[in-house]
Protein backbone atom coordinates (compact mmCIF):
# COMPACT_ATOMS: atom_id res chain seq x y z
CA MET A 1 0.00 0.00 0.00
CA GLY A 2 1.15 3.54 -0.60
CA LEU A 3 0.69 6.89 1.05
CA VAL A 4 -2.93 7.70 1.85
CA ALA A 5 -2.83 11.20 3.29
CA ILE A 6 -0.71 14.29 2.93
CA ALA A 7 -1.09 17.34 5.16
CA VAL A 8 0.79 20.62 5.32
CA LEU A 9 1.56 21.51 8.93
CA LEU A 10 3.92 24.22 10.16
CA GLY A 11 5.51 24.45 6.74
CA ALA A 12 6.37 20.76 6.53
CA LEU A 13 4.72 17.83 4.84
CA VAL A 14 3.41 15.00 6.96
CA TYR A 15 2.87 11.75 5.11
CA VAL A 16 0.66 9.19 6.84
CA GLN A 17 1.61 5.75 5.63
CA ARG A 18 -1.38 3.54 6.27
CA ILE A 19 -0.43 -0.01 7.12
CA GLU A 20 -3.66 -1.28 8.64
CA PRO A 21 -6.62 1.10 8.72
CA GLU A 22 -9.21 -0.99 10.52
CA GLY A 23 -9.66 -3.18 13.58
CA GLU A 24 -9.04 -2.78 17.29
CA SER A 25 -6.20 -0.41 18.19
CA PRO A 26 -3.03 -2.24 19.24
CA VAL A 27 -2.91 0.02 22.29
CA ALA A 28 -5.90 -1.85 23.73
CA ARG A 29 -3.76 -4.99 23.80
CA LEU A 30 -0.68 -3.13 25.01
CA ALA A 31 -2.45 -1.26 27.81
CA PRO A 32 -2.30 -4.05 30.44
CA SER A 33 1.47 -4.37 30.02
CA GLY A 34 2.20 -0.64 30.22
CA THR A 35 4.81 0.17 32.86
CA ASP A 36 6.84 3.10 34.13
CA PRO A 37 9.14 4.01 31.20
CA VAL A 38 12.24 4.73 33.24
CA GLY A 39 12.02 1.53 35.29
CA GLY A 40 11.18 -0.56 32.24
CA ILE A 41 14.12 0.71 30.21
CA ARG A 42 16.46 0.36 33.19
CA ASP A 43 15.39 -3.25 33.71
CA ALA A 44 15.91 -4.07 30.04
CA ALA A 45 19.35 -2.43 30.06
CA HIS A 46 20.65 -4.88 32.66
CA ALA A 47 20.65 -7.60 30.00
CA ARG A 48 20.83 -5.44 26.86
CA PRO A 49 23.67 -2.93 27.13
CA VAL A 50 22.91 -0.85 24.02
CA VAL A 51 19.71 1.21 24.36
CA LEU A 52 18.49 3.11 21.30
CA ILE A 53 15.65 5.59 21.86
CA GLY A 54 13.91 7.04 18.81
CA LEU A 55 12.13 10.34 19.38
CA PRO A 56 9.59 12.29 17.32
CA VAL A 57 10.81 15.43 15.57
CA ALA A 58 8.69 17.66 17.83
CA GLY A 59 7.49 17.55 21.43
CA ARG A 60 9.36 17.86 24.70
CA ALA A 61 7.77 15.10 26.78
CA GLY A 62 10.02 12.39 25.36
CA TRP A 63 13.11 14.41 26.16
CA ARG A 64 12.04 14.80 29.79
CA ILE A 65 11.84 11.02 30.06
CA VAL A 66 15.23 10.69 28.36
CA LEU A 67 16.84 12.72 31.14
CA ASP A 68 15.37 10.42 33.77
CA VAL A 69 16.48 7.35 31.78
CA LEU A 70 19.99 8.76 31.48
CA ASP A 71 20.22 9.25 35.23
CA SER A 72 18.75 5.82 35.98
CA LEU A 73 21.09 3.95 33.61
CA ALA A 74 24.21 5.78 34.72
CA LEU A 75 23.52 5.11 38.40
CA GLY A 76 22.02 1.64 37.84
CA PRO A 77 23.29 -0.87 35.25
CA GLY A 78 26.02 1.56 34.26
CA LEU A 79 26.70 3.66 31.19
CA ASP A 80 29.85 4.53 29.25
CA ALA A 81 28.68 6.85 26.48
CA VAL A 82 25.66 8.79 25.28
CA GLY A 83 25.13 9.28 21.54
CA VAL A 84 23.20 12.40 20.58
CA PRO A 85 21.66 13.63 17.30
CA ALA A 86 24.14 16.46 16.85
CA PRO A 87 26.73 17.13 14.12
CA ALA A 88 30.41 16.40 14.54
CA ASP A 89 30.96 20.17 14.49
CA ASP A 90 29.53 20.27 18.03
CA GLN A 91 31.92 17.66 19.44
CA PRO A 92 34.74 20.07 20.44
CA ALA A 93 32.32 22.32 22.32
CA ILE A 94 30.71 19.32 24.05
CA ASP A 95 34.11 18.03 25.14
CA ARG A 96 35.23 21.45 26.39
CA TYR A 97 32.05 21.80 28.43
CA LEU A 98 32.36 18.35 30.01
CA ASP A 99 36.11 18.67 30.67
CA ALA A 100 36.09 22.17 32.12
CA SER A 101 37.13 22.35 35.76
CA VAL A 102 34.12 24.58 36.48
CA GLU A 103 30.73 24.19 34.81
CA ASP A 104 30.27 26.97 32.24
CA ALA A 105 27.09 26.91 30.13
CA ARG A 106 28.64 29.42 27.73
CA LEU A 107 30.74 26.57 26.34
CA LEU A 108 27.69 24.60 25.24
CA PRO A 109 26.77 24.30 21.56
CA PRO A 110 23.30 25.53 20.57
CA ASP A 111 20.25 23.31 20.89
CA ARG A 112 18.97 21.68 17.73
CA ALA A 113 15.36 22.19 16.65
CA GLY A 114 12.92 20.02 18.61
CA SER A 115 15.53 18.71 21.05
CA ASP A 116 16.73 19.31 24.58
CA LEU A 117 20.36 18.48 23.94
CA ARG A 118 21.66 21.20 26.25
CA ALA A 119 19.72 19.58 29.09
CA VAL A 120 21.35 16.24 28.18
CA TYR A 121 24.83 17.80 28.29
CA ARG A 122 24.10 19.38 31.67
CA ALA A 123 22.81 16.07 33.01
CA VAL A 124 25.94 14.24 31.86
CA ARG A 125 28.11 16.92 33.42
CA SER A 126 26.25 16.56 36.74
CA LEU A 127 26.50 12.76 36.61
CA ASN A 128 30.24 12.91 35.89
CA ASP A 129 30.74 15.11 38.94
CA GLU A 130 28.95 12.44 40.97
CA LEU A 131 30.52 9.37 39.35
CA GLY A 132 34.12 10.60 39.29
CA VAL A 133 36.78 10.45 36.59
CA ASP A 134 36.99 6.66 36.36
CA ARG A 135 33.27 6.30 35.56
CA ALA A 136 32.73 9.54 33.65
CA LEU A 137 30.41 9.35 30.64
CA ARG A 138 31.34 10.40 27.14
CA VAL A 139 28.98 12.23 24.80
CA VAL A 140 29.27 11.38 21.11
CA ALA A 141 27.81 13.63 18.39
CA LEU A 142 26.46 11.01 15.98
CA TRP A 143 25.81 12.92 12.77
CA PRO A 144 28.28 14.14 10.12
CA SER A 145 29.63 17.69 10.08
CA GLY A 146 27.32 20.29 8.65
CA TRP A 147 24.11 18.57 9.70
CA PRO A 148 21.36 19.62 9.34
CA PRO A 149 21.42 21.26 5.90
CA ASP A 150 20.25 24.85 5.84
CA ALA A 151 17.05 25.94 4.18
CA ALA A 152 18.88 27.14 1.07
CA GLU A 153 20.23 23.69 0.27
CA SER A 154 18.47 21.86 -2.55
CA PRO A 155 16.05 19.07 -1.58
CA ALA A 156 18.10 16.55 -3.58
CA GLU A 157 21.33 17.40 -1.75
CA ALA A 158 19.54 17.50 1.61
CA VAL A 159 18.21 13.96 1.03
CA ARG A 160 21.65 12.74 -0.04
CA ARG A 161 23.16 14.03 3.19
CA TRP A 162 20.28 12.67 5.26
CA ALA A 163 20.89 9.21 3.78
CA VAL A 164 24.53 8.95 4.91
CA ARG A 165 23.84 9.65 8.60
CA PRO A 166 23.08 6.09 9.83
CA ALA A 167 26.22 4.55 8.32
CA HIS A 168 28.31 7.47 9.60
CA ALA A 169 26.96 7.00 13.14
CA SER A 170 27.50 3.24 13.05
CA GLU A 171 31.10 3.62 11.88
CA LEU A 172 31.75 6.37 14.44
CA LEU A 173 30.54 4.18 17.29
CA SER A 174 32.63 1.26 16.07
CA ALA A 175 35.85 3.22 15.62
CA GLY A 176 35.44 5.87 18.30
CA VAL A 177 33.88 3.94 21.18
CA LEU A 178 33.68 0.17 20.68
CA ALA A 179 37.23 -0.22 19.38
CA ARG A 180 38.45 0.93 22.82
CA MET A 181 35.55 -0.44 24.89
CA PRO A 182 34.09 -3.52 23.17
CA ASN A 183 31.64 -4.07 26.03
CA ALA A 184 30.60 -0.44 26.36
CA ARG A 185 27.12 0.34 27.63
CA LEU A 186 25.51 2.90 25.36
CA LEU A 187 22.47 5.15 25.36
CA LEU A 188 21.75 6.42 21.84
CA LEU A 189 19.24 9.19 21.17
CA VAL A 190 18.05 9.55 17.58
CA ASP A 191 15.09 10.44 15.40
CA GLY A 192 12.33 7.83 15.61
CA LEU A 193 12.92 6.60 12.05
CA ASP A 194 16.51 5.69 12.96
CA ALA A 195 15.18 3.44 15.74
CA LEU A 196 12.99 1.29 13.48
CA SER A 197 13.95 -2.30 12.68
CA GLY A 198 12.87 -4.33 9.69
CA VAL A 199 12.03 -1.28 7.61
CA ARG A 200 13.75 1.39 5.54
CA VAL A 201 12.72 4.85 4.41
CA ARG A 202 12.95 5.68 0.72
CA ALA A 203 13.34 9.41 0.12
CA ALA A 204 13.93 11.66 -2.87
CA GLY A 205 13.98 15.39 -3.30
CA GLY A 206 13.69 17.86 -6.14
CA GLY A 207 13.84 15.29 -8.88
CA GLY A 208 17.13 13.87 -7.56
CA SER A 209 18.02 10.24 -7.03
CA ALA A 210 16.08 8.24 -4.46
CA HIS A 211 17.94 6.97 -1.38
CA THR A 212 16.91 4.04 0.81
CA PRO A 213 19.48 3.80 3.61
CA ALA A 214 19.44 1.19 6.34
CA THR A 215 18.26 2.63 9.64
CA LEU A 216 20.74 2.98 12.48
CA ALA A 217 18.75 0.35 14.41
CA GLY A 218 19.08 -2.02 11.46
CA LEU A 219 22.84 -1.52 11.26
CA LEU A 220 23.32 -1.93 15.01
CA ARG A 221 21.04 -4.98 15.14
CA ASP A 222 23.41 -6.72 12.73
CA ARG A 223 26.27 -6.07 15.16
CA PHE A 224 24.66 -6.41 18.58
CA GLY A 225 21.74 -8.76 18.00
CA ARG A 226 19.74 -9.19 21.20
CA ASN A 227 22.12 -6.89 23.07
CA LEU A 228 20.36 -3.96 21.37
CA TYR A 229 17.15 -2.62 22.93
CA THR A 230 15.12 -0.20 20.81
CA VAL A 231 12.38 2.11 22.04
CA LEU A 232 10.00 4.00 19.76
CA VAL A 233 8.65 7.16 21.41
CA ASP A 234 5.31 8.27 20.00
CA GLY A 235 4.27 11.85 19.35
CA ALA A 236 1.33 13.92 18.22
CA ALA A 237 0.96 14.72 14.51
CA VAL A 238 2.86 17.97 14.02
CA GLY A 239 5.08 19.20 11.21
CA ALA A 240 8.85 19.18 11.46
CA GLY A 241 9.46 22.69 10.17
CA GLY A 242 12.86 24.35 10.13
CA THR A 243 15.64 22.64 8.21
CA HIS A 244 14.55 19.10 9.00
CA VAL A 245 14.71 16.72 6.00
CA VAL A 246 12.93 13.45 6.82
CA GLY A 247 11.73 12.53 10.28
CA PHE A 248 9.37 10.54 12.45
CA ALA A 249 6.20 12.44 13.41
CA GLY A 250 4.51 9.80 15.56
CA THR A 251 1.92 7.09 14.98
CA SER A 252 -1.84 6.89 14.74
CA LEU A 253 -1.81 5.18 18.16
CA PHE A 254 -1.05 8.40 20.04
CA ASP A 255 -4.63 9.45 20.76
CA ASP A 256 -5.68 5.93 21.80
CA ALA A 257 -2.65 5.67 24.09
CA ARG A 258 -3.48 8.99 25.71
CA ARG A 259 -7.04 7.84 26.34
CA LEU A 260 -6.26 4.31 27.58
CA TRP A 261 -3.37 5.38 29.80
CA SER A 262 -5.15 8.55 30.98
CA GLY A 263 -2.35 10.75 29.67
CA SER A 264 0.34 9.07 31.79
CA ALA A 265 3.67 8.06 30.28
CA ARG A 266 3.86 4.30 29.71
CA LEU A 267 6.29 1.80 28.18
CA ALA A 268 4.92 -1.38 26.63
CA PRO A 269 6.94 -4.29 25.18
CA LEU A 270 6.26 -5.16 21.56
CA ALA A 271 8.23 -8.39 21.24
CA GLY A 272 5.95 -11.39 21.09
CA HIS A 273 2.84 -9.32 20.41
CA SER A 274 2.20 -10.74 16.97
CA ASP A 275 -1.51 -10.06 17.54
CA LEU A 276 -1.01 -6.31 17.38
CA GLY A 277 -1.46 -6.14 13.63
CA ARG A 278 -0.18 -3.12 11.76
CA ALA A 279 -0.17 0.58 12.54
CA ASP A 280 -0.03 3.89 10.70
CA LEU A 281 3.27 5.75 10.90
CA ARG A 282 3.73 9.44 10.19
CA ILE A 283 6.76 10.66 8.25
CA SER A 284 7.42 14.39 8.14
CA THR A 285 9.52 16.02 5.44
CA ARG A 286 10.65 19.44 4.40
CA PRO A 287 9.02 20.91 1.28
CA GLY A 288 10.31 19.33 -1.92
CA VAL A 289 11.05 15.95 -0.31
CA ASN A 290 8.96 12.80 -0.69
CA ALA A 291 9.41 9.78 1.60
CA GLU A 292 7.80 6.41 2.26
CA LEU A 293 8.46 3.30 4.31
CA GLN A 294 9.63 0.10 2.63
CA PRO A 295 8.11 -2.38 2.96
CA ALA A 296 4.82 -0.53 3.29
CA SER A 297 3.30 -3.36 5.32
CA ILE A 298 5.09 -4.49 8.47
CA ARG A 299 3.76 -5.67 11.80
CA PHE A 300 3.86 -3.11 14.55
CA SER A 301 5.61 -5.63 16.79
CA GLU A 302 8.55 -5.79 14.37
CA LEU A 303 9.34 -2.08 14.43
CA ALA A 304 10.99 -1.86 17.86
CA ASP A 305 11.40 -3.71 21.15
CA ALA A 306 9.12 -1.33 23.02
CA TYR A 307 6.55 1.40 22.45
CA LEU A 308 6.68 4.48 24.67
CA PHE A 309 3.80 6.90 25.09
CA PRO A 310 5.50 9.98 26.58
CA GLY A 311 2.47 11.64 28.09
CA PRO A 312 1.33 15.18 27.32
CA GLY A 313 3.66 17.92 26.20
């Protein structure tokens, strides 16, 4: 099946890829297993040392949970590095901020649209002060230099640069972290599309060539197998705006999850729930870019290890 709805929101296109339009919402089956997100992710991380959290392109609620997860993992199962959706250009500023003898927020790089990265850097700095030098966390800027492209860049070139990000991040983690710490415990924060397994996103812009890169979750699954734990954070349907290229804008389950869980944040496992059927996923793009999931039909339970409703906000 193809795309069934296109809306223009906040200057960005939101494509709703319908995978299964009818039947009982999967959330009704997930609701009984919904747990506290922070505790659920912490428990999973004891056995699965690489945690990949995919966030929607807009909305702050997921980032608030991320900060609690970061604290819980660092002080619980342990954590060696945090990967963030920032360009390599930010790495020197991040390192200077974390290494400074006195905390100085003026050293921080700017926040990226739709994220709370500065709050993540401050949290890591605070944890390092508590953990000491021997257990200090690293922060790794996952994306290539120059990301994201500015608004003046052509859609075709923006898509080309979007497509190289997952492989760049995978190689960076292998050479920059795992080569020195093969058993490193990692928390990776990325766009929701980069956290999907068993699916790719095909994108093209401005009449340029189409690109269908493997997702970061797909690349890491090949390396880590069951040691990788992926979490898909849902979000309301809003446009990406700004200089975003292709991103995850939530699922059609959001409203049902809000109703069934009374607006409270909940984490529900997807593995083994073959009865969930298929769900609609929203892909947001900048103007001039078209994108779709391949394959178009995939079971909801195959997309990630867990579904996280972040609550309001």
